[in-house]
C-alpha atoms as a PDB file:
ATOM      1  CA  MET A   1      70.949  41.791  69.966  1.00  0.00           C
ATOM      2  CA  TYR A   2      71.253  45.255  69.226  1.00  0.00           C
ATOM      3  CA  ASP A   3      72.196  46.179  65.862  1.00  0.00           C
ATOM      4  CA  LYS A   4      72.915  49.473  63.612  1.00  0.00           C
ATOM      5  CA  GLY A   5      69.355  50.644  64.468  1.00  0.00           C
ATOM      6  CA  LEU A   6      70.382  50.824  68.285  1.00  0.00           C
ATOM      7  CA  VAL A   7      71.267  54.834  68.352  1.00  0.00           C
ATOM      8  CA  ASN A   8      67.834  55.485  66.831  1.00  0.00           C
ATOM      9  CA  LYS A   9      66.159  53.525  69.721  1.00  0.00           C
ATOM     10  CA  PHE A  10      66.587  55.889  72.608  1.00  0.00           C
ATOM     11  CA  MET A  11      66.285  58.945  70.609  1.00  0.00           C
ATOM     12  CA  ASP A  12      63.049  60.955  72.432  1.00  0.00           C
ATOM     13  CA  GLY A  13      62.784  63.519  69.642  1.00  0.00           C
ATOM     14  CA  LYS A  14      64.809  66.069  71.401  1.00  0.00           C
ATOM     15  CA  ILE A  15      68.284  64.159  71.862  1.00  0.00           C
ATOM     16  CA  ASP A  16      70.169  63.555  68.724  1.00  0.00           C
ATOM     17  CA  TYR A  17      72.606  60.471  69.756  1.00  0.00           C
ATOM     18  CA  ALA A  18      74.343  60.708  66.597  1.00  0.00           C
ATOM     19  CA  GLU A  19      75.762  64.051  67.146  1.00  0.00           C
ATOM     20  CA  LYS A  20      76.614  62.999  70.882  1.00  0.00           C
ATOM     21  CA  THR A  21      78.409  59.810  69.602  1.00  0.00           C
ATOM     22  CA  ALA A  22      80.589  62.165  67.191  1.00  0.00           C
ATOM     23  CA  ALA A  23      81.570  64.328  70.126  1.00  0.00           C
ATOM     24  CA  ILE A  24      82.346  61.112  72.364  1.00  0.00           C
ATOM     25  CA  GLU A  25      84.719  59.737  69.704  1.00  0.00           C
ATOM     26  CA  LEU A  26      86.642  62.842  69.236  1.00  0.00           C
ATOM     27  CA  SER A  27      87.325  63.227  72.779  1.00  0.00           C
ATOM     28  CA  ILE A  28      89.304  59.754  72.511  1.00  0.00           C
ATOM     29  CA  ARG A  29      90.883  61.111  69.459  1.00  0.00           C
ATOM     30  CA  LYS A  30      92.194  64.486  70.190  1.00  0.00           C
ATOM     31  CA  LYS A  31      91.685  65.619  73.971  1.00  0.00           C
ATOM     32  CA  TYR A  32      92.443  62.048  75.804  1.00  0.00           C
ATOM     33  CA  HIS A  33      94.349  60.472  73.006  1.00  0.00           C
ATOM     34  CA  SER A  34      97.634  60.295  74.743  1.00  0.00           C
ATOM     35  CA  GLU A  35      95.949  59.325  78.140  1.00  0.00           C
ATOM     36  CA  LEU A  36      93.518  56.782  76.806  1.00  0.00           C
ATOM     37  CA  PHE A  37      93.746  55.177  73.265  1.00  0.00           C
ATOM     38  CA  THR A  38      97.645  55.310  72.970  1.00  0.00           C
ATOM     39  CA  LYS A  39      98.109  53.854  76.398  1.00  0.00           C
ATOM     40  CA  PHE A  40      95.288  50.855  75.140  1.00  0.00           C
ATOM     41  CA  ALA A  41      97.060  50.410  71.845  1.00  0.00           C
ATOM     42  CA  LYS A  42     100.651  50.178  73.963  1.00  0.00           C
ATOM     43  CA  GLY A  43      99.036  47.475  76.340  1.00  0.00           C
ATOM     44  CA  ILE A  44      97.684  45.371  73.357  1.00  0.00           C
ATOM     45  CA  THR A  45     100.940  45.787  71.617  1.00  0.00           C
ATOM     46  CA  LYS A  46     103.187  45.210  74.761  1.00  0.00           C
ATOM     47  CA  TYR A  47     101.636  42.158  76.150  1.00  0.00           C
ATOM     48  CA  GLU A  48     100.256  40.752  72.501  1.00  0.00           C
ATOM     49  CA  LEU A  49      96.721  40.917  73.497  1.00  0.00           C
ATOM     50  CA  LEU A  50      95.582  40.604  69.701  1.00  0.00           C
ATOM     51  CA  LYS A  51      96.326  37.998  66.875  1.00  0.00           C
ATOM     52  CA  PRO A  52      95.045  38.344  63.415  1.00  0.00           C
ATOM     53  CA  GLY A  53      91.896  36.569  62.764  1.00  0.00           C
ATOM     54  CA  ASP A  54      90.777  36.753  66.779  1.00  0.00           C
ATOM     55  CA  LYS A  55      87.371  37.530  67.816  1.00  0.00           C
ATOM     56  CA  VAL A  56      87.051  39.075  70.978  1.00  0.00           C
ATOM     57  CA  ALA A  57      84.080  39.405  73.134  1.00  0.00           C
ATOM     58  CA  VAL A  58      84.028  42.688  74.680  1.00  0.00           C
ATOM     59  CA  CYS A  59      82.692  42.322  78.099  1.00  0.00           C
ATOM     60  CA  ILE A  60      80.534  45.329  79.367  1.00  0.00           C
ATOM     61  CA  SER A  61      79.489  45.304  82.798  1.00  0.00           C
ATOM     62  CA  GLY A  62      77.656  49.236  82.341  1.00  0.00           C
ATOM     63  CA  GLY A  63      80.515  50.807  84.164  1.00  0.00           C
ATOM     64  CA  LYS A  64      83.159  53.326  82.679  1.00  0.00           C
ATOM     65  CA  ASP A  65      85.864  51.120  82.533  1.00  0.00           C
ATOM     66  CA  SER A  66      84.161  48.415  80.301  1.00  0.00           C
ATOM     67  CA  MET A  67      82.075  50.974  78.215  1.00  0.00           C
ATOM     68  CA  LEU A  68      85.269  53.199  77.635  1.00  0.00           C
ATOM     69  CA  MET A  69      87.357  49.821  76.578  1.00  0.00           C
ATOM     70  CA  ALA A  70      84.288  48.981  73.933  1.00  0.00           C
ATOM     71  CA  LEU A  71      84.926  52.378  72.604  1.00  0.00           C
ATOM     72  CA  LEU A  72      88.483  52.398  72.206  1.00  0.00           C
ATOM     73  CA  PHE A  73      88.086  49.071  70.654  1.00  0.00           C
ATOM     74  CA  LYS A  74      85.899  50.515  68.055  1.00  0.00           C
ATOM     75  CA  GLU A  75      88.539  53.394  67.272  1.00  0.00           C
ATOM     76  CA  LEU A  76      91.301  50.524  67.017  1.00  0.00           C
ATOM     77  CA  LYS A  77      89.264  48.823  64.367  1.00  0.00           C
ATOM     78  CA  LYS A  78      89.347  51.953  62.283  1.00  0.00           C
ATOM     79  CA  HIS A  79      93.299  51.855  62.236  1.00  0.00           C
ATOM     80  CA  ASN A  80      93.082  48.142  60.861  1.00  0.00           C
ATOM     81  CA  LYS A  81      96.644  47.014  61.498  1.00  0.00           C
ATOM     82  CA  ILE A  82      95.519  43.958  63.141  1.00  0.00           C
ATOM     83  CA  PRO A  83      92.311  42.210  61.206  1.00  0.00           C
ATOM     84  CA  PHE A  84      90.246  40.820  64.143  1.00  0.00           C
ATOM     85  CA  GLU A  85      86.614  40.933  65.093  1.00  0.00           C
ATOM     86  CA  VAL A  86      84.650  42.564  68.096  1.00  0.00           C
ATOM     87  CA  VAL A  87      81.517  41.698  69.569  1.00  0.00           C
ATOM     88  CA  ASN A  88      80.175  43.749  72.588  1.00  0.00           C
ATOM     89  CA  MET A  89      78.663  41.443  74.857  1.00  0.00           C
ATOM     90  CA  VAL A  90      76.569  42.676  77.786  1.00  0.00           C
ATOM     91  CA  MET A  91      75.298  40.350  80.250  1.00  0.00           C
ATOM     92  CA  ASP A  92      72.208  41.031  82.451  1.00  0.00           C
ATOM     93  CA  PRO A  93      72.664  39.276  85.794  1.00  0.00           C
ATOM     94  CA  GLY A  94      69.330  40.513  86.973  1.00  0.00           C
ATOM     95  CA  TYR A  95      69.412  44.180  86.612  1.00  0.00           C
ATOM     96  CA  ASN A  96      66.486  46.451  87.526  1.00  0.00           C
ATOM     97  CA  GLU A  97      64.944  48.099  84.827  1.00  0.00           C
ATOM     98  CA  ALA A  98      66.544  51.640  85.388  1.00  0.00           C
ATOM     99  CA  ASN A  99      70.264  50.098  85.504  1.00  0.00           C
ATOM    100  CA  ARG A 100      69.322  48.155  82.229  1.00  0.00           C
ATOM    101  CA  LYS A 101      68.063  51.133  80.558  1.00  0.00           C
ATOM    102  CA  LYS A 102      71.001  52.949  81.584  1.00  0.00           C
ATOM    103  CA  ILE A 103      73.491  50.604  79.790  1.00  0.00           C
ATOM    104  CA  GLU A 104      71.236  50.735  76.801  1.00  0.00           C
ATOM    105  CA  GLU A 105      71.235  54.461  76.478  1.00  0.00           C
ATOM    106  CA  ASN A 106      75.061  54.711  77.216  1.00  0.00           C
ATOM    107  CA  ALA A 107      75.403  52.162  74.061  1.00  0.00           C
ATOM    108  CA  ALA A 108      73.321  54.079  72.112  1.00  0.00           C
ATOM    109  CA  LYS A 109      75.262  57.374  73.073  1.00  0.00           C
ATOM    110  CA  MET A 110      78.626  55.870  72.481  1.00  0.00           C
ATOM    111  CA  GLY A 111      77.400  54.393  69.247  1.00  0.00           C
ATOM    112  CA  LEU A 112      77.815  50.690  70.349  1.00  0.00           C
ATOM    113  CA  GLU A 113      76.310  47.835  68.927  1.00  0.00           C
ATOM    114  CA  VAL A 114      75.822  45.596  71.727  1.00  0.00           C
ATOM    115  CA  THR A 115      74.597  41.883  72.344  1.00  0.00           C
ATOM    116  CA  ILE A 116      72.693  41.682  75.565  1.00  0.00           C
ATOM    117  CA  PHE A 117      71.840  37.984  77.224  1.00  0.00           C
ATOM    118  CA  GLU A 118      70.238  37.575  80.461  1.00  0.00           C
ATOM    119  CA  THR A 119      70.992  35.224  83.511  1.00  0.00           C
ATOM    120  CA  ASP A 120      69.835  34.741  86.909  1.00  0.00           C
ATOM    121  CA  ILE A 121      72.972  35.394  88.953  1.00  0.00           C
ATOM    122  CA  PHE A 122      71.644  37.902  90.983  1.00  0.00           C
ATOM    123  CA  ASP A 123      69.080  35.553  92.381  1.00  0.00           C
ATOM    124  CA  SER A 124      71.619  32.725  92.849  1.00  0.00           C
ATOM    125  CA  VAL A 125      73.700  34.552  95.092  1.00  0.00           C
ATOM    126  CA  TYR A 126      71.248  36.702  96.969  1.00  0.00           C
ATOM    127  CA  ASN A 127      70.719  34.664  99.849  1.00  0.00           C
ATOM    128  CA  ILE A 128      74.339  33.418 100.110  1.00  0.00           C
ATOM    129  CA  GLU A 129      76.232  35.021 103.255  1.00  0.00           C
ATOM    130  CA  ASP A 130      79.797  33.893 102.721  1.00  0.00           C
ATOM    131  CA  SER A 131      81.648  35.744  99.815  1.00  0.00           C
ATOM    132  CA  PRO A 132      78.542  36.609  97.398  1.00  0.00           C
ATOM    133  CA  CYS A 133      80.674  38.794  95.452  1.00  0.00           C
ATOM    134  CA  TYR A 134      83.157  36.108  94.875  1.00  0.00           C
ATOM    135  CA  LEU A 135      80.496  33.734  93.818  1.00  0.00           C
ATOM    136  CA  CYS A 136      78.762  36.088  91.875  1.00  0.00           C
ATOM    137  CA  ALA A 137      82.425  37.099  89.734  1.00  0.00           C
ATOM    138  CA  ARG A 138      83.005  33.555  89.168  1.00  0.00           C
ATOM    139  CA  MET A 139      79.682  32.878  87.988  1.00  0.00           C
ATOM    140  CA  ARG A 140      79.523  36.120  85.776  1.00  0.00           C
ATOM    141  CA  ARG A 141      83.323  34.805  84.470  1.00  0.00           C
ATOM    142  CA  GLY A 142      81.781  31.195  83.438  1.00  0.00           C
ATOM    143  CA  HIS A 143      78.622  32.783  81.832  1.00  0.00           C
ATOM    144  CA  LEU A 144      80.772  35.203  79.744  1.00  0.00           C
ATOM    145  CA  TYR A 145      83.092  32.426  78.462  1.00  0.00           C
ATOM    146  CA  THR A 146      80.025  30.347  77.706  1.00  0.00           C
ATOM    147  CA  LYS A 147      78.560  33.063  75.613  1.00  0.00           C
ATOM    148  CA  ALA A 148      81.704  34.381  73.994  1.00  0.00           C
ATOM    149  CA  ARG A 149      82.301  30.572  72.653  1.00  0.00           C
ATOM    150  CA  GLU A 150      78.640  30.373  71.430  1.00  0.00           C
ATOM    151  CA  LEU A 151      79.398  33.743  69.577  1.00  0.00           C
ATOM    152  CA  GLY A 152      82.482  32.167  67.855  1.00  0.00           C
ATOM    153  CA  CYS A 153      84.706  34.188  69.946  1.00  0.00           C
ATOM    154  CA  ASN A 154      88.242  32.896  71.010  1.00  0.00           C
ATOM    155  CA  LYS A 155      88.925  35.806  73.721  1.00  0.00           C
ATOM    156  CA  ILE A 156      87.120  37.881  76.300  1.00  0.00           C
ATOM    157  CA  ALA A 157      88.174  41.279  77.056  1.00  0.00           C
ATOM    158  CA  LEU A 158      87.723  42.624  80.415  1.00  0.00           C
ATOM    159  CA  GLY A 159      88.061  46.300  81.621  1.00  0.00           C
ATOM    160  CA  HIS A 160      90.842  46.370  84.609  1.00  0.00           C
ATOM    161  CA  HIS A 161      92.708  49.004  84.395  1.00  0.00           C
ATOM    162  CA  PHE A 162      96.194  50.200  85.855  1.00  0.00           C
ATOM    163  CA  ASP A 163      94.728  50.853  89.267  1.00  0.00           C
ATOM    164  CA  ASP A 164      93.022  47.676  89.609  1.00  0.00           C
ATOM    165  CA  VAL A 165      96.576  45.952  89.195  1.00  0.00           C
ATOM    166  CA  ILE A 166      98.251  47.804  91.701  1.00  0.00           C
ATOM    167  CA  GLU A 167      95.627  47.762  94.072  1.00  0.00           C
ATOM    168  CA  THR A 168      95.302  43.638  93.632  1.00  0.00           C
ATOM    169  CA  ILE A 169      99.049  43.488  94.262  1.00  0.00           C
ATOM    170  CA  LEU A 170      98.993  45.442  97.733  1.00  0.00           C
ATOM    171  CA  MET A 171      95.437  43.549  98.770  1.00  0.00           C
ATOM    172  CA  GLY A 172      97.754  40.300  98.105  1.00  0.00           C
ATOM    173  CA  MET A 173     100.339  41.589 100.487  1.00  0.00           C
ATOM    174  CA  MET A 174      98.501  43.154 103.179  1.00  0.00           C
ATOM    175  CA  TYR A 175      95.371  40.878 103.442  1.00  0.00           C
ATOM    176  CA  GLY A 176      96.466  37.646 101.554  1.00  0.00           C
ATOM    177  CA  GLY A 177     100.128  37.491 102.877  1.00  0.00           C
ATOM    178  CA  GLN A 178     101.240  36.705  99.226  1.00  0.00           C
ATOM    179  CA  PHE A 179     102.893  38.918  96.149  1.00  0.00           C
ATOM    180  CA  GLN A 180     100.736  38.128  92.880  1.00  0.00           C
ATOM    181  CA  THR A 181      99.288  40.662  90.286  1.00  0.00           C
ATOM    182  CA  MET A 182      96.948  40.680  87.966  1.00  0.00           C
ATOM    183  CA  MET A 183      97.792  39.584  84.442  1.00  0.00           C
ATOM    184  CA  PRO A 184      97.629  41.230  81.482  1.00  0.00           C
ATOM    185  CA  LYS A 185      96.395  38.043  79.614  1.00  0.00           C
ATOM    186  CA  VAL A 186      96.110  34.530  80.937  1.00  0.00           C
ATOM    187  CA  HIS A 187      94.296  31.110  79.143  1.00  0.00           C
ATOM    188  CA  SER A 188      91.176  29.653  80.542  1.00  0.00           C
ATOM    189  CA  SER A 189      91.351  26.454  82.498  1.00  0.00           C
ATOM    190  CA  ASN A 190      87.811  25.737  81.974  1.00  0.00           C
ATOM    191  CA  PHE A 191      87.535  26.610  78.524  1.00  0.00           C
ATOM    192  CA  GLU A 192      89.764  25.083  76.121  1.00  0.00           C
ATOM    193  CA  GLY A 193      91.207  27.614  73.744  1.00  0.00           C
ATOM    194  CA  MET A 194      89.846  30.705  75.092  1.00  0.00           C
ATOM    195  CA  GLU A 195      91.869  33.437  76.820  1.00  0.00           C
ATOM    196  CA  LEU A 196      91.098  36.448  78.943  1.00  0.00           C
ATOM    197  CA  ILE A 197      92.789  39.753  77.971  1.00  0.00           C
ATOM    198  CA  ARG A 198      92.979  43.181  79.947  1.00  0.00           C
ATOM    199  CA  PRO A 199      93.515  45.977  77.319  1.00  0.00           C
ATOM    200  CA  MET A 200      93.147  48.389  79.775  1.00  0.00           C
ATOM    201  CA  TYR A 201      96.344  47.253  81.353  1.00  0.00           C
ATOM    202  CA  LEU A 202      98.319  50.480  81.236  1.00  0.00           C
ATOM    203  CA  VAL A 203      95.328  53.285  81.537  1.00  0.00           C
ATOM    204  CA  ARG A 204      95.104  54.694  84.478  1.00  0.00           C
ATOM    205  CA  GLU A 205      91.625  55.504  86.523  1.00  0.00           C
ATOM    206  CA  GLU A 206      91.861  59.147  87.073  1.00  0.00           C
ATOM    207  CA  ASP A 207      92.102  59.534  83.219  1.00  0.00           C
ATOM    208  CA  ILE A 208      88.906  57.602  82.987  1.00  0.00           C
ATOM    209  CA  ILE A 209      87.299  59.492  85.081  1.00  0.00           C
ATOM    210  CA  ARG A 210      88.087  62.869  83.528  1.00  0.00           C
ATOM    211  CA  TRP A 211      86.981  61.737  80.079  1.00  0.00           C
ATOM    212  CA  LYS A 212      83.703  60.499  81.408  1.00  0.00           C
ATOM    213  CA  ASN A 213      83.455  63.752  83.246  1.00  0.00           C
ATOM    214  CA  TYR A 214      84.207  66.131  80.103  1.00  0.00           C
ATOM    215  CA  ASN A 215      81.589  63.678  78.096  1.00  0.00           C
ATOM    216  CA  GLU A 216      79.376  64.408  81.007  1.00  0.00           C
ATOM    217  CA  LEU A 217      78.357  60.543  80.911  1.00  0.00           C
ATOM    218  CA  ASP A 218      77.025  58.881  83.841  1.00  0.00           C
ATOM    219  CA  PHE A 219      77.834  54.947  83.946  1.00  0.00           C
ATOM    220  CA  LEU A 220      76.822  52.612  86.676  1.00  0.00           C
ATOM    221  CA  ALA A 221      78.959  51.628  89.487  1.00  0.00           C
ATOM    222  CA  CYS A 222      77.996  48.381  91.166  1.00  0.00           C
ATOM    223  CA  ALA A 223      74.366  47.513  90.258  1.00  0.00           C
ATOM    224  CA  CYS A 224      74.164  44.153  92.137  1.00  0.00           C
ATOM    225  CA  ARG A 225      71.092  44.174  94.908  1.00  0.00           C
ATOM    226  CA  PHE A 226      73.612  43.630  97.761  1.00  0.00           C
ATOM    227  CA  THR A 227      75.275  47.057  97.104  1.00  0.00           C
ATOM    228  CA  GLU A 228      72.236  49.199  96.402  1.00  0.00           C
ATOM    229  CA  GLU A 229      70.620  48.042  99.918  1.00  0.00           C
ATOM    230  CA  HIS A 230      74.189  49.090 101.672  1.00  0.00           C
ATOM    231  CA  THR A 231      74.763  52.418  99.708  1.00  0.00           C
ATOM    232  CA  SER A 232      74.002  54.208 102.735  1.00  0.00           C
ATOM    233  CA  ALA A 233      77.234  53.419 104.270  1.00  0.00           C
ATOM    234  CA  ASN A 234      79.205  56.294 103.423  1.00  0.00           C
ATOM    235  CA  GLU A 235      78.097  59.861 102.397  1.00  0.00           C
ATOM    236  CA  ASP A 236      79.334  59.445  98.635  1.00  0.00           C
ATOM    237  CA  GLY A 237      77.113  56.270  98.086  1.00  0.00           C
ATOM    238  CA  SER A 238      80.017  54.131  98.126  1.00  0.00           C
ATOM    239  CA  VAL A 239      80.473  50.715 100.255  1.00  0.00           C
ATOM    240  CA  ASP A 240      83.279  50.259 102.413  1.00  0.00           C
ATOM    241  CA  SER A 241      85.612  47.237 101.377  1.00  0.00           C
ATOM    242  CA  LYS A 242      89.525  46.521 101.418  1.00  0.00           C
ATOM    243  CA  ARG A 243      89.843  47.578  97.689  1.00  0.00           C
ATOM    244  CA  GLN A 244      88.589  51.008  99.017  1.00  0.00           C
ATOM    245  CA  GLU A 245      91.092  50.816 101.767  1.00  0.00           C
ATOM    246  CA  ILE A 246      93.645  50.269  99.373  1.00  0.00           C
ATOM    247  CA  LYS A 247      92.662  52.929  96.983  1.00  0.00           C
ATOM    248  CA  ASN A 248      92.877  55.600  99.736  1.00  0.00           C
ATOM    249  CA  LEU A 249      96.091  54.134 101.390  1.00  0.00           C
ATOM    250  CA  ILE A 250      97.669  54.697  97.861  1.00  0.00           C
ATOM    251  CA  LYS A 251      96.056  57.958  97.570  1.00  0.00           C
ATOM    252  CA  ASN A 252      97.694  58.964 100.835  1.00  0.00           C
ATOM    253  CA  LEU A 253     101.174  57.675  99.944  1.00  0.00           C
ATOM    254  CA  LYS A 254     101.081  59.681  96.799  1.00  0.00           C
ATOM    255  CA  LYS A 255     101.196  62.637  98.508  1.00  0.00           C
ATOM    256  CA  ILE A 256     104.308  61.648  99.752  1.00  0.00           C
ATOM    257  CA  ASN A 257     105.817  60.182  96.942  1.00  0.00           C
ATOM    258  CA  PRO A 258     103.855  61.038  93.638  1.00  0.00           C
ATOM    259  CA  TYR A 259     105.466  58.008  92.020  1.00  0.00           C
ATOM    260  CA  VAL A 260     104.046  55.342  94.338  1.00  0.00           C
ATOM    261  CA  ASP A 261     101.629  53.916  92.090  1.00  0.00           C
ATOM    262  CA  SER A 262     104.215  53.542  89.317  1.00  0.00           C
ATOM    263  CA  ASN A 263     106.685  51.829  91.358  1.00  0.00           C
ATOM    264  CA  ILE A 264     104.177  49.484  92.909  1.00  0.00           C
ATOM    265  CA  PHE A 265     103.029  48.488  89.105  1.00  0.00           C
ATOM    266  CA  LYS A 266     107.355  48.237  88.324  1.00  0.00           C
ATOM    267  CA  SER A 267     107.701  45.689  91.265  1.00  0.00           C
ATOM    268  CA  ALA A 268     105.810  43.067  89.446  1.00  0.00           C
ATOM    269  CA  GLU A 269     108.047  43.356  86.920  1.00  0.00           C
ATOM    270  CA  ASN A 270     111.317  43.407  88.668  1.00  0.00           C
ATOM    271  CA  VAL A 271     111.022  40.567  91.216  1.00  0.00           C
ATOM    272  CA  ASN A 272     114.603  39.209  91.685  1.00  0.00           C
ATOM    273  CA  LEU A 273     114.090  35.650  92.638  1.00  0.00           C
ATOM    274  CA  GLN A 274     117.676  35.234  94.237  1.00  0.00           C
ATOM    275  CA  THR A 275     116.382  37.383  97.065  1.00  0.00           C
ATOM    276  CA  VAL A 276     113.193  35.767  97.395  1.00  0.00           C
ATOM    277  CA  VAL A 277     112.614  33.444 100.751  1.00  0.00           C
ATOM    278  CA  LYS A 278     110.033  31.256  99.159  1.00  0.00           C
ATOM    279  CA  TYR A 279     108.037  31.279  96.072  1.00  0.00           C
ATOM    280  CA  LYS A 280     105.237  29.044  94.560  1.00  0.00           C
ATOM    281  CA  ASP A 281     105.530  27.628  91.255  1.00  0.00           C
ATOM    282  CA  LYS A 282     102.471  25.783  89.750  1.00  0.00           C
ATOM    283  CA  GLY A 283     101.215  25.380  93.169  1.00  0.00           C
ATOM    284  CA  ILE A 284     104.743  23.811  94.709  1.00  0.00           C
ATOM    285  CA  HIS A 285     106.619  25.848  96.955  1.00  0.00           C
ATOM    286  CA  HIS A 286     110.253  26.467  96.755  1.00  0.00           C
ATOM    287  CA  SER A 287     112.520  27.813  99.281  1.00  0.00           C
ATOM    288  CA  PHE A 288     115.860  29.642  98.807  1.00  0.00           C
ATOM    289  CA  MET A 289     117.723  26.861 100.865  1.00  0.00           C
ATOM    290  CA  GLU A 290     117.274  24.328  98.048  1.00  0.00           C
ATOM    291  CA  TRP A 291     120.148  26.336  96.145  1.00  0.00           C
ATOM    292  CA  TYR A 292     121.751  28.361  98.875  1.00  0.00           C
ATOM    293  CA  ASP A 293     124.688  25.962  98.863  1.00  0.00           C
ATOM    294  CA  ASP A 294     124.800  24.632  95.715  1.00  0.00           C
ATOM    295  CA  PRO A 295     126.982  27.067  93.422  1.00  0.00           C
ATOM    296  CA  LYS A 296     125.714  25.191  90.497  1.00  0.00           C
ATOM    297  CA  SER A 297     122.409  26.891  90.656  1.00  0.00           C
ATOM    298  CA  TYR A 298     121.428  29.640  88.438  1.00  0.00           C
ATOM    299  CA  LEU A 299     119.961  31.291  91.443  1.00  0.00           C
ATOM    300  CA  PHE A 300     122.929  30.806  93.718  1.00  0.00           C
ATOM    301  CA  TRP A 301     124.595  33.943  94.531  1.00  0.00           C
ATOM    302  CA  LYS A 302     127.067  35.743  96.923  1.00  0.00           C
ATOM    303  CA  GLU A 303     126.711  39.142  98.300  1.00  0.00           C
END
């Protein structure tokens, strides 16, 4: 566990991280306040993500989204409108030395106290041929819940943002043949009393990137061994994926309609069951044929 001395641990005599921390914190209070902190706070309020007495495990992967989320929670604590506790939790699934050091140094630069715990997830999934990323994600989630409970937390916070939400909607439609979205909060089915929350739900990725570049910060992208061995796929070092295809699709659609991303997001808030052919409720499929000729049904309607 890294405590108050974290900032000083990575000072090499030339870099004053305390000064860097102050500049980074100022950027979310001033220059990027409306784009980042305001939307972060709005998401927490709108979806009731925090309640008095909550203890939240802020899950830091080392990427820009989760690191910023931890900083925004730090800022929120200063406002003290809701009494809650925060633990910045970093799971090391088997990072190489350079990636582990980068996470620690970024935490120091941002003035974040972090708790680091180690697992062997990368070793466990490295030789899995079918869906290693899916298995890795499932295992990560389980370890995060377990450690969070051990630390006395009742919630874990993940850094998924607005763009993750709309990409999930389109991916489900285009590659899964279903309409679903990434929820702002959900109860855990395997850890009684635990809840997953997504406070960055309304924060746009483009604003996160601007903030990152403004502060000249360099975060991890994806540090798994599989990705490291395939980073030559594209000129920019990224790996082709269905999510990247969707990102590119949305980017191109915005050239035609600049509001297309907002409309995709709103589509998950404006579902009209009277115009849905079929839907699924708790695993059970229902068809419009069930109420089509029943005028007493609340779903019955006429054109």
